[in-house]
C-alpha atoms as a PDB file:
ATOM      1  CA  MET A   1      72.062  21.978  87.153  1.00  0.00           C
ATOM      2  CA  PRO A   2      73.574  21.577  83.867  1.00  0.00           C
ATOM      3  CA  ASP A   3      75.302  24.786  82.255  1.00  0.00           C
ATOM      4  CA  GLY A   4      72.878  26.782  80.176  1.00  0.00           C
ATOM      5  CA  GLU A   5      69.802  25.632  81.896  1.00  0.00           C
ATOM      6  CA  PRO A   6      67.593  28.560  82.883  1.00  0.00           C
ATOM      7  CA  THR A   7      67.083  28.869  86.608  1.00  0.00           C
ATOM      8  CA  ALA A   8      63.601  29.023  87.844  1.00  0.00           C
ATOM      9  CA  PRO A   9      62.344  32.058  89.537  1.00  0.00           C
ATOM     10  CA  THR A  10      61.991  31.931  93.277  1.00  0.00           C
ATOM     11  CA  VAL A  11      58.610  33.032  94.796  1.00  0.00           C
ATOM     12  CA  THR A  12      58.881  35.149  97.617  1.00  0.00           C
ATOM     13  CA  GLY A  13      55.260  35.424  98.497  1.00  0.00           C
ATOM     14  CA  GLY A  14      52.433  37.819  97.445  1.00  0.00           C
ATOM     15  CA  GLY A  15      52.681  36.907  93.717  1.00  0.00           C
ATOM     16  CA  VAL A  16      56.209  38.244  93.391  1.00  0.00           C
ATOM     17  CA  GLY A  17      59.121  36.113  92.428  1.00  0.00           C
ATOM     18  CA  VAL A  18      62.928  36.754  91.997  1.00  0.00           C
ATOM     19  CA  ASP A  19      64.861  35.025  89.276  1.00  0.00           C
ATOM     20  CA  ALA A  20      68.604  34.090  89.277  1.00  0.00           C
ATOM     21  CA  GLY A  21      69.631  37.365  87.576  1.00  0.00           C
ATOM     22  CA  GLY A  22      68.104  39.372  90.589  1.00  0.00           C
ATOM     23  CA  HIS A  23      65.234  40.465  88.632  1.00  0.00           C
ATOM     24  CA  ARG A  24      61.469  40.912  90.407  1.00  0.00           C
ATOM     25  CA  ILE A  25      58.835  39.122  88.318  1.00  0.00           C
ATOM     26  CA  THR A  26      54.917  39.280  89.028  1.00  0.00           C
ATOM     27  CA  ASP A  27      52.805  36.505  88.524  1.00  0.00           C
ATOM     28  CA  ASP A  28      50.113  38.382  86.608  1.00  0.00           C
ATOM     29  CA  VAL A  29      52.164  39.765  83.692  1.00  0.00           C
ATOM     30  CA  HIS A  30      55.429  38.218  84.174  1.00  0.00           C
ATOM     31  CA  ASP A  31      57.120  41.761  83.998  1.00  0.00           C
ATOM     32  CA  VAL A  32      60.821  41.732  84.602  1.00  0.00           C
ATOM     33  CA  VAL A  33      61.840  44.561  86.789  1.00  0.00           C
ATOM     34  CA  PRO A  34      65.443  45.125  87.738  1.00  0.00           C
ATOM     35  CA  MET A  35      66.090  45.308  91.506  1.00  0.00           C
ATOM     36  CA  ARG A  36      68.591  48.202  92.298  1.00  0.00           C
ATOM     37  CA  PRO A  37      71.179  47.152  94.650  1.00  0.00           C
ATOM     38  CA  SER A  38      71.841  49.308  97.588  1.00  0.00           C
ATOM     39  CA  VAL A  39      75.237  51.200  97.271  1.00  0.00           C
ATOM     40  CA  GLU A  40      77.289  51.838 100.311  1.00  0.00           C
ATOM     41  CA  HIS A  41      80.028  54.500 100.400  1.00  0.00           C
ATOM     42  CA  HIS A  42      82.928  54.034 102.431  1.00  0.00           C
ATOM     43  CA  HIS A  43      85.162  57.101 101.466  1.00  0.00           C
ATOM     44  CA  ARG A  44      85.148  60.384 102.995  1.00  0.00           C
ATOM     45  CA  ASN A  45      84.353  63.521 100.991  1.00  0.00           C
ATOM     46  CA  VAL A  46      87.727  65.236 101.042  1.00  0.00           C
ATOM     47  CA  GLY A  47      87.258  67.382  98.213  1.00  0.00           C
ATOM     48  CA  GLY A  48      85.793  70.874  98.436  1.00  0.00           C
ATOM     49  CA  GLY A  49      88.690  72.656  99.941  1.00  0.00           C
ATOM     50  CA  THR A  50      87.086  73.434 103.248  1.00  0.00           C
ATOM     51  CA  ALA A  51      88.624  70.419 105.276  1.00  0.00           C
ATOM     52  CA  ARG A  52      92.007  71.026 103.659  1.00  0.00           C
ATOM     53  CA  ALA A  53      91.927  74.673 104.838  1.00  0.00           C
ATOM     54  CA  ALA A  54      90.804  73.809 108.257  1.00  0.00           C
ATOM     55  CA  VAL A  55      93.726  71.387 108.708  1.00  0.00           C
ATOM     56  CA  PHE A  56      96.320  73.747 107.013  1.00  0.00           C
ATOM     57  CA  GLY A  57      94.908  76.601 109.020  1.00  0.00           C
ATOM     58  CA  ALA A  58      95.344  75.219 112.372  1.00  0.00           C
ATOM     59  CA  SER A  59      98.848  73.948 111.664  1.00  0.00           C
ATOM     60  CA  ASP A  60      99.982  77.196 110.245  1.00  0.00           C
ATOM     61  CA  GLY A  61      98.512  79.106 113.064  1.00  0.00           C
ATOM     62  CA  LEU A  62     100.139  76.941 115.814  1.00  0.00           C
ATOM     63  CA  LEU A  63     103.685  76.926 114.114  1.00  0.00           C
ATOM     64  CA  SER A  64     103.761  80.435 113.138  1.00  0.00           C
ATOM     65  CA  ASN A  65     102.557  81.846 116.369  1.00  0.00           C
ATOM     66  CA  VAL A  66     104.464  79.471 118.476  1.00  0.00           C
ATOM     67  CA  SER A  67     107.586  80.527 116.546  1.00  0.00           C
ATOM     68  CA  LEU A  68     106.758  84.292 116.819  1.00  0.00           C
ATOM     69  CA  ILE A  69     106.072  84.139 120.508  1.00  0.00           C
ATOM     70  CA  LEU A  70     109.127  82.241 121.266  1.00  0.00           C
ATOM     71  CA  GLY A  71     111.170  84.204 119.217  1.00  0.00           C
ATOM     72  CA  MET A  72     110.060  87.368 120.965  1.00  0.00           C
ATOM     73  CA  ALA A  73     110.451  85.860 124.324  1.00  0.00           C
ATOM     74  CA  GLY A  74     113.816  84.829 123.620  1.00  0.00           C
ATOM     75  CA  ALA A  75     114.817  88.315 123.511  1.00  0.00           C
ATOM     76  CA  ARG A  76     113.490  88.803 127.024  1.00  0.00           C
ATOM     77  CA  PRO A  77     111.277  91.961 126.581  1.00  0.00           C
ATOM     78  CA  ASP A  78     108.586  92.937 128.859  1.00  0.00           C
ATOM     79  CA  ALA A  79     105.475  90.225 128.748  1.00  0.00           C
ATOM     80  CA  SER A  80     103.139  93.013 127.306  1.00  0.00           C
ATOM     81  CA  VAL A  81     105.573  93.061 124.285  1.00  0.00           C
ATOM     82  CA  VAL A  82     105.151  89.450 123.711  1.00  0.00           C
ATOM     83  CA  ARG A  83     101.602  89.579 124.210  1.00  0.00           C
ATOM     84  CA  LEU A  84     101.234  92.298 121.580  1.00  0.00           C
ATOM     85  CA  ALA A  85     103.397  90.319 119.127  1.00  0.00           C
ATOM     86  CA  GLY A  86     101.117  87.111 119.637  1.00  0.00           C
ATOM     87  CA  VAL A  87      97.941  88.960 119.284  1.00  0.00           C
ATOM     88  CA  ALA A  88      99.131  90.812 116.157  1.00  0.00           C
ATOM     89  CA  GLY A  89     100.329  87.591 114.652  1.00  0.00           C
ATOM     90  CA  LEU A  90      97.254  85.773 115.384  1.00  0.00           C
ATOM     91  CA  ILE A  91      94.891  88.364 113.595  1.00  0.00           C
ATOM     92  CA  ALA A  92      97.244  89.264 110.785  1.00  0.00           C
ATOM     93  CA  GLY A  93      97.956  85.556 110.161  1.00  0.00           C
ATOM     94  CA  ALA A  94      94.211  84.551 110.215  1.00  0.00           C
ATOM     95  CA  VAL A  95      93.087  87.410 108.043  1.00  0.00           C
ATOM     96  CA  SER A  96      96.008  86.569 105.503  1.00  0.00           C
ATOM     97  CA  MET A  97      95.093  82.972 105.533  1.00  0.00           C
ATOM     98  CA  ALA A  98      91.425  83.681 104.905  1.00  0.00           C
ATOM     99  CA  ALA A  99      92.143  86.419 102.056  1.00  0.00           C
ATOM    100  CA  GLY A 100      94.537  83.906 100.461  1.00  0.00           C
ATOM    101  CA  GLU A 101      92.395  80.741 100.689  1.00  0.00           C
ATOM    102  CA  TYR A 102      89.394  82.806  99.268  1.00  0.00           C
ATOM    103  CA  VAL A 103      91.361  84.375  96.260  1.00  0.00           C
ATOM    104  CA  SER A 104      92.766  80.969  95.591  1.00  0.00           C
ATOM    105  CA  MET A 105      89.557  78.936  95.650  1.00  0.00           C
ATOM    106  CA  LYS A 106      87.572  81.475  93.807  1.00  0.00           C
ATOM    107  CA  ALA A 107      90.019  81.685  90.937  1.00  0.00           C
ATOM    108  CA  GLN A 108      90.034  77.680  90.770  1.00  0.00           C
ATOM    109  CA  SER A 109      86.351  77.745  90.881  1.00  0.00           C
ATOM    110  CA  GLU A 110      86.241  80.333  88.165  1.00  0.00           C
ATOM    111  CA  LEU A 111      88.576  78.341  86.128  1.00  0.00           C
ATOM    112  CA  LEU A 112      86.840  75.204  86.410  1.00  0.00           C
ATOM    113  CA  GLN A 113      83.428  76.793  85.698  1.00  0.00           C
ATOM    114  CA  ARG A 114      84.937  78.217  82.476  1.00  0.00           C
ATOM    115  CA  GLU A 115      86.242  74.663  81.563  1.00  0.00           C
ATOM    116  CA  LEU A 116      82.736  73.150  82.212  1.00  0.00           C
ATOM    117  CA  GLU A 117      81.237  75.777  80.097  1.00  0.00           C
ATOM    118  CA  LEU A 118      83.331  75.061  77.132  1.00  0.00           C
ATOM    119  CA  GLU A 119      82.580  71.361  77.607  1.00  0.00           C
ATOM    120  CA  ARG A 120      78.766  72.105  77.865  1.00  0.00           C
ATOM    121  CA  ARG A 121      79.374  73.956  74.418  1.00  0.00           C
ATOM    122  CA  GLU A 122      81.143  71.068  72.749  1.00  0.00           C
ATOM    123  CA  LEU A 123      78.407  68.693  73.905  1.00  0.00           C
ATOM    124  CA  ARG A 124      75.878  70.793  72.443  1.00  0.00           C
ATOM    125  CA  HIS A 125      77.429  71.592  69.112  1.00  0.00           C
ATOM    126  CA  LYS A 126      79.752  68.331  68.586  1.00  0.00           C
ATOM    127  CA  PRO A 127      77.739  65.537  70.375  1.00  0.00           C
ATOM    128  CA  HIS A 128      79.159  62.969  67.826  1.00  0.00           C
ATOM    129  CA  VAL A 129      82.795  64.080  68.533  1.00  0.00           C
ATOM    130  CA  GLU A 130      82.298  63.874  72.256  1.00  0.00           C
ATOM    131  CA  THR A 131      80.796  60.483  71.892  1.00  0.00           C
ATOM    132  CA  VAL A 132      83.834  59.295  70.298  1.00  0.00           C
ATOM    133  CA  GLU A 133      86.030  60.945  72.867  1.00  0.00           C
ATOM    134  CA  LEU A 134      84.281  59.330  75.562  1.00  0.00           C
ATOM    135  CA  THR A 135      84.327  55.916  73.815  1.00  0.00           C
ATOM    136  CA  GLN A 136      88.044  56.162  73.341  1.00  0.00           C
ATOM    137  CA  ILE A 137      88.612  57.043  77.201  1.00  0.00           C
ATOM    138  CA  TYR A 138      86.449  53.980  78.292  1.00  0.00           C
ATOM    139  CA  ALA A 139      88.231  51.556  75.791  1.00  0.00           C
ATOM    140  CA  ALA A 140      91.658  52.853  77.161  1.00  0.00           C
ATOM    141  CA  LYS A 141      90.484  51.670  80.679  1.00  0.00           C
ATOM    142  CA  GLY A 142      90.372  48.273  79.405  1.00  0.00           C
ATOM    143  CA  ILE A 143      86.631  47.884  78.452  1.00  0.00           C
ATOM    144  CA  SER A 144      85.825  46.227  75.154  1.00  0.00           C
ATOM    145  CA  PRO A 145      85.139  48.604  72.176  1.00  0.00           C
ATOM    146  CA  ASP A 146      81.532  47.431  71.691  1.00  0.00           C
ATOM    147  CA  MET A 147      80.844  47.962  75.482  1.00  0.00           C
ATOM    148  CA  ALA A 148      82.743  51.138  75.641  1.00  0.00           C
ATOM    149  CA  GLN A 149      80.559  52.576  72.628  1.00  0.00           C
ATOM    150  CA  ALA A 150      77.207  51.447  74.422  1.00  0.00           C
ATOM    151  CA  LEU A 151      78.345  52.991  77.555  1.00  0.00           C
ATOM    152  CA  ALA A 152      79.336  56.289  75.983  1.00  0.00           C
ATOM    153  CA  LYS A 153      76.075  56.345  74.081  1.00  0.00           C
ATOM    154  CA  GLU A 154      74.231  55.690  77.392  1.00  0.00           C
ATOM    155  CA  MET A 155      76.108  58.697  78.928  1.00  0.00           C
ATOM    156  CA  MET A 156      75.408  60.991  76.169  1.00  0.00           C
ATOM    157  CA  SER A 157      71.777  60.197  76.181  1.00  0.00           C
ATOM    158  CA  ASP A 158      71.217  62.795  78.989  1.00  0.00           C
ATOM    159  CA  PRO A 159      72.872  66.081  78.849  1.00  0.00           C
ATOM    160  CA  ASP A 160      73.665  66.517  82.548  1.00  0.00           C
ATOM    161  CA  ARG A 161      75.014  62.854  82.795  1.00  0.00           C
ATOM    162  CA  ALA A 162      77.081  63.661  79.748  1.00  0.00           C
ATOM    163  CA  LEU A 163      78.649  66.796  81.146  1.00  0.00           C
ATOM    164  CA  GLU A 164      79.438  64.907  84.552  1.00  0.00           C
ATOM    165  CA  ALA A 165      80.898  62.092  82.572  1.00  0.00           C
ATOM    166  CA  HIS A 166      83.253  64.313  80.403  1.00  0.00           C
ATOM    167  CA  ALA A 167      84.126  66.443  83.422  1.00  0.00           C
ATOM    168  CA  ARG A 168      85.135  63.543  85.512  1.00  0.00           C
ATOM    169  CA  GLU A 169      87.003  61.544  82.846  1.00  0.00           C
ATOM    170  CA  GLU A 170      88.682  64.732  80.859  1.00  0.00           C
ATOM    171  CA  LEU A 171      88.900  67.165  83.578  1.00  0.00           C
ATOM    172  CA  GLY A 172      89.135  64.954  86.903  1.00  0.00           C
ATOM    173  CA  ILE A 173      86.418  67.060  88.574  1.00  0.00           C
ATOM    174  CA  ASN A 174      82.986  66.694  89.814  1.00  0.00           C
ATOM    175  CA  PRO A 175      80.853  69.436  88.491  1.00  0.00           C
ATOM    176  CA  SER A 176      78.470  69.376  91.674  1.00  0.00           C
ATOM    177  CA  ASP A 177      81.437  69.840  93.954  1.00  0.00           C
ATOM    178  CA  LEU A 178      83.682  72.725  93.094  1.00  0.00           C
ATOM    179  CA  GLY A 179      84.497  73.783  96.467  1.00  0.00           C
ATOM    180  CA  SER A 180      83.269  76.858  98.383  1.00  0.00           C
ATOM    181  CA  PRO A 181      85.599  79.914  98.310  1.00  0.00           C
ATOM    182  CA  ARG A 182      83.529  81.375 101.458  1.00  0.00           C
ATOM    183  CA  GLY A 183      83.544  78.240 103.264  1.00  0.00           C
ATOM    184  CA  ALA A 184      87.185  77.707 102.727  1.00  0.00           C
ATOM    185  CA  ALA A 185      88.214  81.202 103.797  1.00  0.00           C
ATOM    186  CA  LEU A 186      85.913  81.071 106.947  1.00  0.00           C
ATOM    187  CA  SER A 187      87.340  77.640 107.866  1.00  0.00           C
ATOM    188  CA  SER A 188      90.803  78.811 107.387  1.00  0.00           C
ATOM    189  CA  PHE A 189      90.306  82.063 109.452  1.00  0.00           C
ATOM    190  CA  GLY A 190      88.814  79.986 112.446  1.00  0.00           C
ATOM    191  CA  SER A 191      91.381  77.169 112.401  1.00  0.00           C
ATOM    192  CA  PHE A 192      94.256  79.578 112.213  1.00  0.00           C
ATOM    193  CA  ALA A 193      92.965  81.698 114.973  1.00  0.00           C
ATOM    194  CA  LEU A 194      92.314  78.554 116.973  1.00  0.00           C
ATOM    195  CA  GLY A 195      95.777  77.088 116.590  1.00  0.00           C
ATOM    196  CA  ALA A 196      97.509  80.524 116.870  1.00  0.00           C
ATOM    197  CA  SER A 197      95.785  81.058 120.246  1.00  0.00           C
ATOM    198  CA  VAL A 198      97.299  77.983 122.143  1.00  0.00           C
ATOM    199  CA  PRO A 199     100.749  79.141 122.791  1.00  0.00           C
ATOM    200  CA  LEU A 200      99.372  82.916 123.395  1.00  0.00           C
ATOM    201  CA  VAL A 201      97.380  81.689 126.314  1.00  0.00           C
ATOM    202  CA  PRO A 202      99.957  81.895 129.062  1.00  0.00           C
ATOM    203  CA  TRP A 203     101.012  85.337 127.929  1.00  0.00           C
ATOM    204  CA  LEU A 204      97.398  86.619 128.561  1.00  0.00           C
ATOM    205  CA  PHE A 205      98.228  86.352 132.272  1.00  0.00           C
ATOM    206  CA  ALA A 206     101.930  86.995 132.347  1.00  0.00           C
ATOM    207  CA  SER A 207     103.657  90.027 133.799  1.00  0.00           C
ATOM    208  CA  GLY A 208     107.318  91.510 134.042  1.00  0.00           C
ATOM    209  CA  ARG A 209     110.174  90.605 131.952  1.00  0.00           C
ATOM    210  CA  ALA A 210     109.271  87.504 129.820  1.00  0.00           C
ATOM    211  CA  PRO A 211     108.906  85.200 132.736  1.00  0.00           C
ATOM    212  CA  ALA A 212     110.229  81.671 132.265  1.00  0.00           C
ATOM    213  CA  SER A 213     107.012  80.231 133.389  1.00  0.00           C
ATOM    214  CA  ALA A 214     105.269  81.720 130.569  1.00  0.00           C
ATOM    215  CA  ILE A 215     107.925  80.496 128.092  1.00  0.00           C
ATOM    216  CA  VAL A 216     107.684  76.928 129.470  1.00  0.00           C
ATOM    217  CA  ALA A 217     103.653  77.129 129.411  1.00  0.00           C
ATOM    218  CA  SER A 218     103.888  78.172 125.706  1.00  0.00           C
ATOM    219  CA  VAL A 219     106.222  75.354 124.803  1.00  0.00           C
ATOM    220  CA  VAL A 220     104.191  72.804 126.632  1.00  0.00           C
ATOM    221  CA  LEU A 221     100.843  74.074 125.245  1.00  0.00           C
ATOM    222  CA  GLY A 222     102.430  74.119 121.650  1.00  0.00           C
ATOM    223  CA  ALA A 223     103.886  70.666 122.013  1.00  0.00           C
ATOM    224  CA  LEU A 224     100.564  69.011 123.228  1.00  0.00           C
ATOM    225  CA  ALA A 225      98.469  71.108 120.460  1.00  0.00           C
ATOM    226  CA  ALA A 226     101.071  69.708 117.953  1.00  0.00           C
ATOM    227  CA  LEU A 227     100.564  66.125 119.140  1.00  0.00           C
ATOM    228  CA  ALA A 228      96.685  66.570 119.019  1.00  0.00           C
ATOM    229  CA  LEU A 229      97.043  67.898 115.465  1.00  0.00           C
ATOM    230  CA  GLY A 230      99.128  64.999 114.489  1.00  0.00           C
ATOM    231  CA  PHE A 231      96.685  62.583 115.710  1.00  0.00           C
ATOM    232  CA  ALA A 232      93.805  64.610 113.862  1.00  0.00           C
ATOM    233  CA  LEU A 233      95.552  64.490 110.678  1.00  0.00           C
ATOM    234  CA  ALA A 234      96.173  60.717 111.118  1.00  0.00           C
ATOM    235  CA  THR A 235      92.319  60.101 110.987  1.00  0.00           C
ATOM    236  CA  PHE A 236      92.066  61.650 107.721  1.00  0.00           C
ATOM    237  CA  THR A 237      95.062  60.199 106.249  1.00  0.00           C
ATOM    238  CA  GLY A 238      94.872  56.648 107.511  1.00  0.00           C
ATOM    239  CA  ARG A 239      98.782  56.851 108.692  1.00  0.00           C
ATOM    240  CA  SER A 240     100.091  55.734 112.003  1.00  0.00           C
ATOM    241  CA  LYS A 241      98.597  58.240 114.580  1.00  0.00           C
ATOM    242  CA  TRP A 242     102.220  58.272 116.512  1.00  0.00           C
ATOM    243  CA  PHE A 243     104.057  58.693 113.395  1.00  0.00           C
ATOM    244  CA  SER A 244     101.826  61.668 112.288  1.00  0.00           C
ATOM    245  CA  ALA A 245     101.976  63.270 115.999  1.00  0.00           C
ATOM    246  CA  GLY A 246     105.807  62.768 116.216  1.00  0.00           C
ATOM    247  CA  ARG A 247     106.334  64.299 112.796  1.00  0.00           C
ATOM    248  CA  GLN A 248     104.047  67.220 113.767  1.00  0.00           C
ATOM    249  CA  LEU A 249     105.876  67.685 117.141  1.00  0.00           C
ATOM    250  CA  ALA A 250     109.389  67.531 115.587  1.00  0.00           C
ATOM    251  CA  ILE A 251     108.492  70.194 113.175  1.00  0.00           C
ATOM    252  CA  ALA A 252     106.921  72.465 115.786  1.00  0.00           C
ATOM    253  CA  VAL A 253     109.852  71.926 118.076  1.00  0.00           C
ATOM    254  CA  ALA A 254     112.337  72.547 115.308  1.00  0.00           C
ATOM    255  CA  ALA A 255     110.521  76.059 114.170  1.00  0.00           C
ATOM    256  CA  ALA A 256     110.493  77.213 117.827  1.00  0.00           C
ATOM    257  CA  ALA A 257     113.994  76.400 118.851  1.00  0.00           C
ATOM    258  CA  VAL A 258     115.244  78.183 115.848  1.00  0.00           C
ATOM    259  CA  THR A 259     113.209  81.516 116.373  1.00  0.00           C
ATOM    260  CA  TYR A 260     113.920  81.427 120.148  1.00  0.00           C
ATOM    261  CA  LEU A 261     117.551  81.223 119.285  1.00  0.00           C
ATOM    262  CA  VAL A 262     117.616  83.959 116.876  1.00  0.00           C
ATOM    263  CA  GLY A 263     115.559  86.020 119.478  1.00  0.00           C
ATOM    264  CA  SER A 264     118.075  85.411 122.126  1.00  0.00           C
ATOM    265  CA  LEU A 265     120.980  86.334 119.906  1.00  0.00           C
ATOM    266  CA  VAL A 266     119.436  89.386 118.535  1.00  0.00           C
ATOM    267  CA  GLY A 267     117.970  90.574 122.078  1.00  0.00           C
ATOM    268  CA  VAL A 268     121.789  89.998 123.244  1.00  0.00           C
ATOM    269  CA  GLY A 269     123.124  92.165 120.450  1.00  0.00           C
ATOM    270  CA  VAL A 270     120.563  94.914 120.897  1.00  0.00           C
ATOM    271  CA  ALA A 271     121.197  95.038 124.464  1.00  0.00           C
END
């Protein structure tokens, strides 16, 4: 068919047709109605802070408590002392992580809310200036000036859409997803406690003077947990699972080895 010649609509039955532009038409009034394409999302929602808090909480819980427990065990005290230190480290660490995460997320949320309120005020009092700003942002992305201006005006025609557009383009945030301080705190507390409990398990049943079996069990459980955590991280980051697991294991081994050595030296010195 020669260029520039219109394409005849395709009738799909029931008096309804679809033209070459993907528009639906009816036989009665020949109305042209745009057919909205379905949109598929292929990206995980990694914002909000909760997932991040869970991952870091589990990692910190495992690393800090396996280091604490093996550091205490290196001094060869009674198993009850190591057990007490492990439980104290779990509780103190989980509470500290949760409190820190809550304060951090709360402060960030309040800061972003303030910036959004300032942006909302500018949109209300200086709509022309904000339209020019949005036009310049779109033009800087490579959109033609006329289309950038038309797009900016379309965005500015609705207050909520205008705020979302300015928040995304100027502040780099999604106004509807600023994160949950409470959710991040609870996630951080639970994940830290879970990670910290892994190397503590053998000492719940140990007795006597820091038995070697409990030390070995802590090392093995800590190593397995580090590998599992590395694999879990790889599913989020898309990196090689073996690389992520090996890196996590190497960090855990290094931290535990240093504290065990220090514990052994201090225990010998005190004795």
